[in-house]
């Protein structure tokens, strides 16, 4: 949420006004994702189990934040003439240019170096099979196995992280329907929250059924896609992992939780049990602490003895993250002020570049011989990698991402164009 007029967090902002704390939160989410992947750059155990667990919050933060930001910025325009077309143009211009540039580079490099899944088993002619899915950003929408690897792991490490961008595109299609229903049927905030809660309940049931019938899923997967689809041959490429993690429907509850939080934020204050600034700040601190503790408990305590929780914990606390996000956005607290610092806001603007580029740095470090198993040196490399990523990403945002977005929006904007808020999102 960038390039907007500044507004205070002391009360609800007018629709379309900038909430700087959410930009800062985007930066935190990007750092968590990158930091998690950088924990084992030396190839050994993570530098710190606790830090490694904590950084795992990043993906859930991204999905919930996406629901909040999208609904906050676009809900008012979606039901207007041309609103859906303008939304599609805005999101395409936001995601696709940097994505396709980085993906095609990664595809070409891994193909030439025989590092694609097909190249590694000596069948380079088959590496083209998955290309259409990646170019259309549908690689997470279905499960298939090519060259003894799932679709998510066909190409290099940079391409592997784009599964979440594919999930985002799926969310946008769902949002078009949800936003139109909300506007045209005049759904109240209570109904929107009720729908989000219902989808969350259905998601829990879906996870339980997938866990309950894992053996059947393995048999069907092996019959349709080969042994790689069964968890008996490893969880990473299995059909079960797609059902739990990569499947957009499995992550939809997180997005809708963020959307419901934004709907609550946009509701007239008289319909909300308003808190005083002091109590709002206290509730925000409690919510942040609760998110951290629940995450660490699920992954650090429960997951090691319960593989089902280990596989599904990420979406389980999505509603709690949405509550935290609502409180950070609405109330002037130490957390909102921290996240609203100019530096964090500027880095938050480049969070998409950070996410798309972060896997390049470990590869570069390995080629330069900068990886180490020494813990002290490992922490230096970890911090240095994150600082380097921040610099590269900010440059990418200024030189590639923002100019390409502005050019595409001008080129593809419908006439007459519907004014959409938050050009930085």
Protein backbone atom coordinates (compact mmCIF):
# COMPACT_ATOMS: atom_id res chain seq x y z
CA UNK A 1 0.00 0.00 0.00
CA UNK A 2 2.22 2.77 -1.24
CA UNK A 3 2.22 6.09 -3.07
CA UNK A 4 -0.71 7.25 -0.99
CA UNK A 5 -1.31 10.27 1.22
CA UNK A 6 -0.15 9.67 4.75
CA UNK A 7 -2.78 9.23 7.44
CA UNK A 8 -2.74 8.73 11.17
CA UNK A 9 -3.28 5.33 12.68
CA UNK A 10 -5.22 6.88 15.54
CA UNK A 11 -8.53 6.07 13.92
CA UNK A 12 -10.00 4.59 10.76
CA UNK A 13 -8.56 6.06 7.60
CA UNK A 14 -10.79 7.17 4.78
CA UNK A 15 -11.17 4.47 2.16
CA UNK A 16 -8.20 4.57 -0.14
CA UNK A 17 -5.90 6.39 2.28
CA UNK A 18 -2.46 5.02 2.88
CA UNK A 19 -1.85 2.82 5.93
CA UNK A 20 1.96 2.91 6.14
CA UNK A 21 2.16 0.22 8.83
CA UNK A 22 0.95 -2.35 6.32
CA UNK A 23 3.83 -1.51 3.99
CA UNK A 24 6.19 -2.08 6.88
CA UNK A 25 4.44 -5.37 7.61
CA UNK A 26 4.97 -6.45 4.00
CA UNK A 27 8.69 -5.87 4.46
CA UNK A 28 8.66 -7.96 7.64
CA UNK A 29 6.89 -10.78 5.77
CA UNK A 30 9.44 -10.66 2.93
CA UNK A 31 12.37 -10.66 5.36
CA UNK A 32 10.85 -13.63 7.20
CA UNK A 33 10.53 -15.67 4.02
CA UNK A 34 14.04 -14.84 2.87
CA UNK A 35 15.48 -15.20 6.36
CA UNK A 36 13.95 -18.64 6.69
CA UNK A 37 15.53 -19.77 3.43
CA UNK A 38 18.89 -18.25 4.40
CA UNK A 39 19.05 -20.10 7.73
CA UNK A 40 20.81 -23.08 6.13
CA UNK A 41 22.92 -21.45 3.41
CA UNK A 42 25.90 -23.47 4.60
CA UNK A 43 24.06 -26.68 3.79
CA UNK A 44 23.91 -27.84 7.41
CA UNK A 45 21.44 -27.35 10.24
CA UNK A 46 19.73 -23.97 10.66
CA UNK A 47 21.77 -21.33 12.49
CA UNK A 48 19.01 -21.16 15.09
CA UNK A 49 15.99 -23.42 15.44
CA UNK A 50 13.97 -20.66 17.14
CA UNK A 51 14.76 -18.00 14.52
CA UNK A 52 14.16 -20.54 11.76
CA UNK A 53 10.75 -21.38 13.24
CA UNK A 54 9.82 -17.72 13.73
CA UNK A 55 10.67 -16.72 10.18
CA UNK A 56 8.19 -19.35 9.01
CA UNK A 57 5.47 -16.78 9.78
CA UNK A 58 6.23 -14.99 6.53
CA UNK A 59 3.99 -16.92 4.16
CA UNK A 60 0.87 -16.65 6.29
CA UNK A 61 1.53 -12.93 6.78
CA UNK A 62 1.71 -12.51 3.01
CA UNK A 63 -1.55 -14.31 2.27
CA UNK A 64 -3.57 -12.59 5.01
CA UNK A 65 -2.06 -9.23 4.14
CA UNK A 66 -2.97 -9.78 0.51
CA UNK A 67 -6.63 -10.25 1.42
CA UNK A 68 -6.61 -7.12 3.60
CA UNK A 69 -4.82 -4.87 1.09
CA UNK A 70 -6.79 -6.04 -1.95
CA UNK A 71 -10.18 -5.56 -0.31
CA UNK A 72 -9.20 -2.30 1.34
CA UNK A 73 -7.99 -0.78 -1.92
CA UNK A 74 -10.38 -2.17 -4.50
CA UNK A 75 -13.73 -2.96 -2.86
CA UNK A 76 -15.26 0.43 -3.63
CA UNK A 77 -14.37 0.31 -7.33
CA UNK A 78 -15.21 -3.32 -8.17
CA UNK A 79 -18.95 -2.81 -8.63
CA UNK A 80 -18.56 0.29 -10.81
CA UNK A 81 -18.65 0.05 -14.62
CA UNK A 82 -15.24 -1.08 -15.78
CA UNK A 83 -14.13 -1.87 -12.25
CA UNK A 84 -13.37 -5.55 -12.84
CA UNK A 85 -11.37 -4.78 -15.99
CA UNK A 86 -9.41 -2.07 -14.18
CA UNK A 87 -8.72 -4.47 -11.31
CA UNK A 88 -7.40 -7.15 -13.66
CA UNK A 89 -5.16 -4.64 -15.42
CA UNK A 90 -3.85 -3.29 -12.12
CA UNK A 91 -3.00 -6.74 -10.75
CA UNK A 92 -1.50 -7.98 -14.02
CA UNK A 93 0.72 -4.91 -14.23
CA UNK A 94 1.70 -5.37 -10.59
CA UNK A 95 2.74 -9.03 -10.78
CA UNK A 96 3.56 -10.14 -14.28
CA UNK A 97 6.44 -8.01 -15.65
CA UNK A 98 8.97 -8.81 -12.92
CA UNK A 99 7.68 -12.36 -12.63
CA UNK A 100 8.06 -13.24 -16.30
CA UNK A 101 11.48 -11.57 -16.52
CA UNK A 102 12.86 -13.54 -13.58
CA UNK A 103 11.16 -16.80 -14.53
CA UNK A 104 12.40 -16.77 -18.13
CA UNK A 105 15.93 -16.07 -16.90
CA UNK A 106 15.71 -18.94 -14.42
CA UNK A 107 14.17 -21.25 -17.03
CA UNK A 108 16.86 -20.47 -19.61
CA UNK A 109 19.70 -20.86 -17.12
CA UNK A 110 18.49 -24.14 -15.63
CA UNK A 111 17.70 -25.54 -19.08
CA UNK A 112 21.14 -24.70 -20.47
CA UNK A 113 22.84 -26.07 -17.37
CA UNK A 114 20.67 -29.22 -17.38
CA UNK A 115 19.37 -28.34 -13.92
CA UNK A 116 15.68 -28.65 -14.64
CA UNK A 117 13.92 -31.72 -13.29
CA UNK A 118 13.96 -33.15 -16.82
CA UNK A 119 17.57 -32.19 -17.43
CA UNK A 120 18.67 -33.98 -14.27
CA UNK A 121 17.22 -37.31 -15.45
CA UNK A 122 18.46 -36.91 -19.02
CA UNK A 123 15.18 -35.95 -20.68
CA UNK A 124 15.66 -32.26 -21.57
CA UNK A 125 13.07 -32.39 -24.36
CA UNK A 126 10.34 -32.81 -21.71
CA UNK A 127 11.24 -29.66 -19.78
CA UNK A 128 8.96 -27.68 -22.09
CA UNK A 129 5.88 -29.51 -20.80
CA UNK A 130 5.59 -27.38 -17.67
CA UNK A 131 6.38 -24.06 -19.36
CA UNK A 132 2.79 -23.16 -20.24
CA UNK A 133 1.69 -23.51 -16.61
CA UNK A 134 4.39 -21.12 -15.44
CA UNK A 135 3.78 -18.56 -18.18
CA UNK A 136 0.08 -18.48 -17.31
CA UNK A 137 0.75 -18.49 -13.54
CA UNK A 138 -1.33 -21.62 -13.04
CA UNK A 139 1.45 -23.91 -11.79
CA UNK A 140 -0.13 -24.21 -8.34
CA UNK A 141 -3.69 -24.77 -9.54
CA UNK A 142 -3.32 -28.48 -10.15
CA UNK A 143 -1.01 -31.33 -9.32
CA UNK A 144 0.99 -33.14 -11.93
CA UNK A 145 4.38 -34.83 -12.06
CA UNK A 146 6.88 -34.30 -14.86
CA UNK A 147 10.26 -36.01 -14.98
CA UNK A 148 9.86 -37.51 -11.50
CA UNK A 149 9.16 -34.14 -9.87
CA UNK A 150 6.01 -32.24 -9.07
CA UNK A 151 5.11 -29.22 -11.18
CA UNK A 152 6.23 -26.89 -8.38
CA UNK A 153 9.83 -28.15 -8.65
CA UNK A 154 10.33 -28.34 -12.41
CA UNK A 155 12.89 -25.59 -12.75
CA UNK A 156 15.31 -23.69 -10.52
CA UNK A 157 14.96 -22.45 -6.94
CA UNK A 158 13.76 -19.05 -8.14
CA UNK A 159 10.90 -20.65 -10.06
CA UNK A 160 10.08 -22.88 -7.10
CA UNK A 161 9.05 -19.90 -4.93
CA UNK A 162 6.64 -18.61 -7.57
CA UNK A 163 4.00 -21.12 -6.45
CA UNK A 164 2.65 -18.43 -4.11
CA UNK A 165 2.32 -15.93 -6.98
CA UNK A 166 0.21 -18.53 -8.78
CA UNK A 167 -1.89 -18.86 -5.61
CA UNK A 168 -2.29 -15.06 -5.54
CA UNK A 169 -3.68 -15.08 -9.08
CA UNK A 170 -6.22 -17.69 -8.00
CA UNK A 171 -7.16 -15.44 -5.06
CA UNK A 172 -7.78 -12.56 -7.46
CA UNK A 173 -10.30 -14.60 -9.43
CA UNK A 174 -12.07 -15.52 -6.20
CA UNK A 175 -11.96 -11.90 -5.08
CA UNK A 176 -13.72 -10.63 -8.19
CA UNK A 177 -16.69 -12.87 -7.33
CA UNK A 178 -16.54 -12.14 -3.60
CA UNK A 179 -16.29 -8.37 -4.05
CA UNK A 180 -19.16 -8.25 -6.52
CA UNK A 181 -21.35 -10.31 -4.19
CA UNK A 182 -20.42 -8.14 -1.24
CA UNK A 183 -21.26 -4.94 -3.11
CA UNK A 184 -24.36 -5.98 -5.07
CA UNK A 185 -26.00 -8.02 -2.33
CA UNK A 186 -24.99 -5.38 0.22
CA UNK A 187 -23.46 -7.92 2.55
CA UNK A 188 -22.90 -6.57 6.01
CA UNK A 189 -19.58 -6.86 7.79
CA UNK A 190 -21.10 -9.64 9.88
CA UNK A 191 -21.93 -11.66 6.76
CA UNK A 192 -18.44 -11.17 5.28
CA UNK A 193 -16.84 -12.33 8.52
CA UNK A 194 -19.30 -15.23 8.67
CA UNK A 195 -18.30 -16.34 5.16
CA UNK A 196 -14.62 -16.16 6.12
CA UNK A 197 -15.25 -18.21 9.27
CA UNK A 198 -17.24 -20.78 7.28
CA UNK A 199 -14.46 -21.17 4.71
CA UNK A 200 -11.98 -21.56 7.56
CA UNK A 201 -14.12 -24.34 9.05
CA UNK A 202 -14.39 -26.06 5.67
CA UNK A 203 -10.62 -25.80 5.28
CA UNK A 204 -10.08 -27.52 8.64
CA UNK A 205 -12.45 -30.30 7.56
CA UNK A 206 -10.62 -30.58 4.25
CA UNK A 207 -7.27 -30.93 6.03
CA UNK A 208 -8.69 -33.59 8.35
CA UNK A 209 -10.08 -35.59 5.42
CA UNK A 210 -6.77 -35.38 3.54
CA UNK A 211 -4.94 -36.64 6.62
CA UNK A 212 -7.53 -39.32 7.34
CA UNK A 213 -7.36 -40.74 3.83
CA UNK A 214 -3.66 -40.28 3.13
CA UNK A 215 -3.16 -43.92 2.13
CA UNK A 216 -5.97 -43.69 -0.41
CA UNK A 217 -4.58 -40.42 -1.74
CA UNK A 218 -1.18 -42.09 -2.13
CA UNK A 219 -2.68 -44.97 -4.09
CA UNK A 220 -4.63 -42.70 -6.41
CA UNK A 221 -1.66 -40.39 -6.86
CA UNK A 222 0.72 -43.23 -7.66
CA UNK A 223 -1.73 -44.69 -10.16
CA UNK A 224 -2.24 -41.34 -11.93
CA UNK A 225 1.18 -39.69 -11.68
CA UNK A 226 3.65 -42.41 -10.75
CA UNK A 227 5.47 -43.28 -7.51
CA UNK A 228 6.67 -39.69 -6.99
CA UNK A 229 3.10 -38.70 -6.00
CA UNK A 230 3.12 -40.98 -2.96
CA UNK A 231 4.51 -39.89 0.41
CA UNK A 232 6.22 -43.29 0.52
CA UNK A 233 8.76 -41.74 -1.85
CA UNK A 234 9.11 -38.51 0.11
CA UNK A 235 6.74 -35.76 1.11
CA UNK A 236 8.23 -32.87 -0.87
CA UNK A 237 6.95 -33.83 -4.35
CA UNK A 238 3.89 -35.77 -3.22
CA UNK A 239 0.26 -35.19 -4.07
CA UNK A 240 -0.40 -34.93 -0.34
CA UNK A 241 1.91 -31.94 -0.04
CA UNK A 242 0.12 -30.22 -2.90
CA UNK A 243 -3.21 -30.82 -1.19
CA UNK A 244 -1.96 -29.40 2.11
CA UNK A 245 0.34 -26.59 0.98
CA UNK A 246 0.45 -25.59 -2.68
CA UNK A 247 -3.24 -26.02 -3.50
CA UNK A 248 -4.80 -22.50 -3.72
CA UNK A 249 -8.02 -23.74 -2.13
CA UNK A 250 -6.06 -24.83 0.95
CA UNK A 251 -4.76 -21.25 1.41
CA UNK A 252 -7.99 -19.42 0.58
CA UNK A 253 -9.06 -19.15 4.23
CA UNK A 254 -5.99 -17.00 4.93
CA UNK A 255 -6.84 -14.58 2.13
CA UNK A 256 -10.49 -14.37 3.17
CA UNK A 257 -9.48 -13.76 6.79
CA UNK A 258 -7.54 -10.71 5.60
CA UNK A 259 -10.48 -9.61 3.47
CA UNK A 260 -12.82 -9.88 6.47
CA UNK A 261 -10.41 -7.82 8.58
CA UNK A 262 -10.39 -5.12 5.90
CA UNK A 263 -14.19 -5.18 5.74
CA UNK A 264 -14.28 -4.64 9.50
CA UNK A 265 -11.80 -1.79 9.15
CA UNK A 266 -13.93 -0.13 6.46
CA UNK A 267 -17.21 -0.48 8.38
CA UNK A 268 -18.67 2.67 9.95
CA UNK A 269 -17.17 3.12 13.45
CA UNK A 270 -20.60 3.01 15.11
CA UNK A 271 -20.89 -0.63 14.09
CA UNK A 272 -17.65 -1.59 15.77
CA UNK A 273 -16.95 -1.95 19.46
CA UNK A 274 -14.37 0.85 19.45
CA UNK A 275 -11.45 0.74 21.86
CA UNK A 276 -9.74 3.70 23.42
CA UNK A 277 -6.28 4.49 21.99
CA UNK A 278 -4.62 3.06 25.11
CA UNK A 279 -6.61 -0.16 25.14
CA UNK A 280 -6.23 -0.49 21.36
CA UNK A 281 -2.48 -0.30 21.75
CA UNK A 282 -2.57 -2.93 24.49
CA UNK A 283 -4.75 -5.27 22.43
CA UNK A 284 -2.37 -4.86 19.49
CA UNK A 285 0.61 -5.86 21.61
CA UNK A 286 -1.28 -8.88 22.93
CA UNK A 287 -2.30 -9.92 19.40
CA UNK A 288 1.27 -9.67 18.08
CA UNK A 289 2.57 -11.71 21.01
CA UNK A 290 -0.23 -14.26 20.56
CA UNK A 291 0.60 -14.75 16.88
CA UNK A 292 4.29 -15.30 17.67
CA UNK A 293 3.62 -17.70 20.55
CA UNK A 294 0.98 -19.72 18.70
CA UNK A 295 3.26 -20.05 15.68
CA UNK A 296 6.22 -21.17 17.81
CA UNK A 297 4.02 -23.57 19.78
CA UNK A 298 2.51 -25.18 16.69
CA UNK A 299 5.82 -25.59 14.86
CA UNK A 300 8.21 -25.97 17.76
CA UNK A 301 6.18 -28.08 20.19
CA UNK A 302 3.30 -29.79 18.39
CA UNK A 303 4.68 -30.36 14.88
CA UNK A 304 7.71 -32.46 15.96
CA UNK A 305 5.38 -35.06 17.49
CA UNK A 306 2.43 -34.63 15.09
CA UNK A 307 3.28 -34.64 11.39
CA UNK A 308 -0.28 -33.63 10.49
CA UNK A 309 0.11 -30.32 12.36
CA UNK A 310 3.55 -29.89 10.86
CA UNK A 311 2.01 -30.09 7.40
CA UNK A 312 -1.03 -27.87 8.04
CA UNK A 313 -0.07 -25.41 10.79
CA UNK A 314 0.61 -22.48 8.47
CA UNK A 315 -3.05 -21.74 7.62
CA UNK A 316 -4.38 -22.68 11.07
CA UNK A 317 -3.64 -19.37 12.75
CA UNK A 318 -4.65 -17.20 9.77
CA UNK A 319 -7.65 -15.69 11.65
CA UNK A 320 -5.39 -14.67 14.53
CA UNK A 321 -3.02 -12.97 12.07
CA UNK A 322 -6.02 -11.16 10.57
CA UNK A 323 -7.03 -9.84 14.01
CA UNK A 324 -3.47 -8.64 14.59
CA UNK A 325 -3.44 -6.93 11.21
CA UNK A 326 -6.73 -5.15 11.88
CA UNK A 327 -5.44 -3.83 15.21
CA UNK A 328 -2.14 -2.67 13.70
CA UNK A 329 -4.01 -0.82 10.95
CA UNK A 330 -6.62 0.79 13.18
CA UNK A 331 -4.83 1.82 16.36
CA UNK A 332 -1.84 4.00 17.09
CA UNK A 333 0.44 1.59 18.90
CA UNK A 334 4.16 1.08 19.27
CA UNK A 335 3.88 -1.66 16.64
CA UNK A 336 2.07 0.53 14.12
CA UNK A 337 4.55 3.36 14.66
CA UNK A 338 7.50 1.00 14.26
CA UNK A 339 6.09 -0.48 11.06
CA UNK A 340 5.35 3.04 9.74
CA UNK A 341 8.99 4.12 9.82
CA UNK A 342 9.94 5.62 6.47
CA UNK A 343 12.71 3.09 5.83
CA UNK A 344 10.43 0.11 6.46
CA UNK A 345 7.71 1.62 4.27
CA UNK A 346 10.18 2.13 1.41
CA UNK A 347 11.47 -1.42 1.77
CA UNK A 348 7.88 -2.66 1.98
CA UNK A 349 7.26 -1.13 -1.43
CA UNK A 350 10.00 -3.40 -2.74
CA UNK A 351 8.72 -6.51 -0.92
CA UNK A 352 7.58 -8.17 -4.16
CA UNK A 353 11.07 -7.78 -5.63
CA UNK A 354 12.49 -9.13 -2.37
CA UNK A 355 10.35 -12.22 -2.60
CA UNK A 356 11.04 -12.84 -6.29
CA UNK A 357 14.80 -12.27 -6.04
CA UNK A 358 15.66 -13.77 -2.67
CA UNK A 359 16.65 -17.23 -3.91
CA UNK A 360 19.30 -15.78 -6.21
CA UNK A 361 21.56 -14.76 -3.34
CA UNK A 362 22.20 -18.22 -1.79
CA UNK A 363 23.19 -19.51 -5.25
CA UNK A 364 25.56 -16.56 -5.71
CA UNK A 365 27.07 -17.07 -2.25
CA UNK A 366 27.74 -20.74 -3.00
CA UNK A 367 29.43 -19.93 -6.29
CA UNK A 368 31.60 -17.32 -4.59
CA UNK A 369 32.51 -19.71 -1.77
CA UNK A 370 30.92 -17.49 0.87
CA UNK A 371 28.98 -20.25 2.61
CA UNK A 372 30.27 -21.68 5.87
CA UNK A 373 29.28 -24.12 8.59
CA UNK A 374 30.82 -21.88 11.27
CA UNK A 375 27.95 -20.45 13.30
CA UNK A 376 29.48 -16.99 13.91
CA UNK A 377 30.43 -16.57 10.26
CA UNK A 378 27.04 -17.97 9.29
CA UNK A 379 25.23 -15.19 11.15
CA UNK A 380 27.39 -12.61 9.38
CA UNK A 381 26.52 -14.19 6.04
CA UNK A 382 22.83 -14.32 7.01
CA UNK A 383 22.67 -10.63 7.90
CA UNK A 384 24.80 -9.69 4.91
CA UNK A 385 22.54 -11.65 2.56
CA UNK A 386 19.44 -9.88 3.87
CA UNK A 387 21.07 -6.45 3.55
CA UNK A 388 22.22 -7.25 0.02
CA UNK A 389 18.73 -8.47 -0.84
CA UNK A 390 17.21 -5.22 0.46
CA UNK A 391 19.55 -3.13 -1.71
CA UNK A 392 19.05 -5.22 -4.84
CA UNK A 393 15.28 -5.31 -4.34
CA UNK A 394 14.97 -1.58 -3.90
CA UNK A 395 16.94 -1.11 -7.13
CA UNK A 396 14.74 -3.67 -8.87
CA UNK A 397 11.64 -1.83 -7.67
CA UNK A 398 12.88 1.55 -8.88
CA UNK A 399 14.36 0.43 -12.20
CA UNK A 400 12.13 -2.46 -13.29
CA UNK A 401 9.07 -3.14 -11.20
CA UNK A 402 7.56 0.34 -10.83
CA UNK A 403 8.31 1.62 -14.40
CA UNK A 404 6.95 -1.59 -15.95
CA UNK A 405 3.82 -1.38 -13.82
CA UNK A 406 3.17 2.23 -14.72
CA UNK A 407 3.75 1.58 -18.42
CA UNK A 408 1.44 -1.42 -18.52
CA UNK A 409 -1.31 0.34 -16.58
CA UNK A 410 -1.18 3.25 -19.00
CA UNK A 411 -1.13 0.90 -21.99
CA UNK A 412 -3.91 -1.44 -20.85
CA UNK A 413 -6.10 0.90 -18.81
CA UNK A 414 -9.76 0.65 -19.89
CA UNK A 415 -11.42 3.79 -21.22
CA UNK A 416 -12.77 5.48 -19.28
CA UNK A 417 -10.41 4.16 -16.62
CA UNK A 418 -11.79 3.44 -13.18
CA UNK A 419 -9.62 5.11 -10.57
CA UNK A 420 -8.17 2.44 -8.31
CA UNK A 421 -6.36 3.26 -5.12
CA UNK A 422 -2.91 2.20 -4.02
CA UNK A 423 -0.92 2.19 -7.28
CA UNK A 424 1.93 0.57 -5.36
CA UNK A 425 -0.06 -2.66 -4.86
